[in-house]
Protein backbone atom coordinates (compact mmCIF):
# COMPACT_ATOMS: atom_id res chain seq x y z
CA MET A 1 76.44 182.52 73.67
CA THR A 2 74.73 180.77 76.74
CA GLU A 3 71.04 181.25 77.71
CA PRO A 4 70.74 184.07 80.47
CA GLY A 5 71.06 182.64 84.44
CA GLN A 6 73.29 180.29 82.63
CA PRO A 7 76.95 180.28 83.74
CA ALA A 8 79.24 180.53 80.53
CA ARG A 9 82.11 177.90 80.18
CA ASP A 10 85.04 179.66 81.74
CA GLU A 11 82.69 180.91 84.58
CA GLN A 12 82.85 179.29 88.02
CA THR A 13 79.84 177.71 89.97
CA THR A 14 79.16 178.57 93.17
CA GLY A 15 77.56 175.44 95.55
CA PRO A 16 79.46 172.41 97.11
CA PRO A 17 82.49 171.12 96.03
CA PRO A 18 82.24 168.12 93.26
CA VAL A 19 82.18 164.74 95.20
CA GLY A 20 85.48 163.37 96.41
CA SER A 21 87.52 166.65 95.91
CA SER A 22 87.13 167.57 99.18
CA SER A 23 90.12 167.46 101.67
CA THR A 24 88.94 166.56 104.74
CA GLY A 25 87.75 163.45 103.43
CA PRO A 26 89.16 159.47 102.89
CA VAL A 27 92.40 159.00 102.13
CA PRO A 28 92.97 157.47 98.96
CA GLY A 29 94.18 153.96 99.07
CA PRO A 30 93.51 150.74 100.31
CA PRO A 31 91.57 150.30 103.79
CA ARG A 32 93.36 149.84 106.80
CA PRO A 33 93.03 146.98 109.54
CA GLY A 34 91.86 148.33 112.90
CA PRO A 35 94.19 148.10 115.62
CA HIS A 36 92.26 144.98 116.82
CA LEU A 37 93.60 143.22 113.76
CA MET A 38 97.19 144.68 113.44
CA PRO A 39 99.88 142.09 114.50
CA ARG A 40 101.53 142.34 117.92
CA SER A 41 104.44 143.61 116.74
CA ALA A 42 102.59 146.49 114.99
CA GLY A 43 100.64 147.55 118.11
CA GLY A 44 97.58 145.35 118.06
CA GLN A 45 96.43 143.39 120.66
CA THR A 46 94.98 139.84 120.51
CA ALA A 47 91.46 138.75 122.08
CA SER A 48 92.96 136.70 124.48
CA GLU A 49 95.65 139.28 125.66
CA GLY A 50 94.63 140.79 129.06
CA ALA A 51 94.28 144.36 129.35
CA GLU A 52 97.86 144.59 130.75
CA GLY A 53 99.28 143.01 128.12
CA GLU A 54 100.15 139.84 129.98
CA PRO A 55 100.68 136.77 127.79
CA PRO A 56 97.38 134.64 126.87
CA VAL A 57 96.56 131.42 128.65
CA PRO A 58 97.47 128.43 126.13
CA VAL A 59 94.34 126.87 124.65
CA ASP A 60 94.30 123.35 124.50
CA PRO A 61 93.14 122.00 120.86
CA GLY A 62 90.92 119.41 122.28
CA THR A 63 89.26 121.61 124.31
CA VAL A 64 88.28 124.25 121.48
CA THR A 65 87.15 121.02 119.31
CA ASP A 66 84.97 119.94 121.97
CA THR A 67 83.66 123.48 122.51
CA VAL A 68 82.97 124.33 118.80
CA ALA A 69 81.44 120.57 118.22
CA GLN A 70 78.79 121.31 121.58
CA LEU A 71 77.54 124.35 119.76
CA LEU A 72 77.68 123.18 116.70
CA VAL A 73 75.26 120.27 117.82
CA GLU A 74 72.85 122.96 119.75
CA VAL A 75 72.60 124.74 116.27
CA ASP A 76 71.65 121.88 114.24
CA SER A 77 69.42 121.12 117.25
CA ILE A 78 67.65 124.48 117.03
CA ARG A 79 66.93 123.94 113.10
CA GLN A 80 65.80 120.84 113.53
CA ALA A 81 63.22 121.77 116.10
CA ALA A 82 62.19 124.90 113.41
CA GLY A 83 62.06 122.37 110.82
CA ASP A 84 60.56 124.41 107.79
CA ALA A 85 59.17 127.25 109.28
CA PHE A 86 61.10 130.22 109.53
CA ASP A 87 61.45 131.30 113.15
CA LEU A 88 63.12 134.59 114.15
CA GLY A 89 63.91 134.01 117.45
CA ALA A 90 65.36 130.23 116.44
CA LEU A 91 67.77 132.11 113.73
CA ALA A 92 68.65 134.65 116.35
CA ARG A 93 69.91 132.11 118.81
CA GLN A 94 71.75 129.77 116.14
CA THR A 95 73.39 133.42 115.18
CA GLU A 96 74.86 133.49 118.85
CA LEU A 97 75.47 130.38 119.18
CA LEU A 98 77.55 130.41 115.71
CA GLU A 99 79.47 133.52 117.15
CA ARG A 100 80.61 131.99 119.79
CA ALA A 101 81.73 128.84 117.86
CA HIS A 102 83.59 131.80 115.85
CA ASP A 103 85.24 133.55 118.71
CA ALA A 104 86.33 130.77 120.17
CA LEU A 105 88.22 129.53 117.05
CA THR A 106 89.61 133.04 116.18
CA THR A 107 90.71 133.23 119.65
CA ALA A 108 92.65 129.90 119.15
CA LEU A 109 94.11 130.79 116.02
CA GLU A 110 95.42 133.63 117.59
CA ASP A 111 97.04 131.97 120.33
CA VAL A 112 98.79 129.82 118.08
CA ASP A 113 99.41 132.56 115.61
CA PRO A 114 99.93 135.77 116.94
CA ARG A 115 100.75 137.59 113.89
């Protein structure tokens, strides 16, 4: 026998459905990459590809290497100038430079291997 106000085992409780039981929630399975990460053959678009889909301009590996090397030199000089102090401005500038280096490398890789 149950206490007054408590539902019996066979009674349905009202309220929101249990977590994960909603039919409008995420689809089960592994996450799927967005179109920017899909191969060109599957409808993806690379960062170096134009809006109209014109082919990317080939990038010289030496140019990419020089660009990334210069960005890393700037990052290192900012680190040395900051010393042991924690400087948010210097950290933000280093982050910006490292993101630019990453973008240069990613674009070059997409041009070489457009999977």
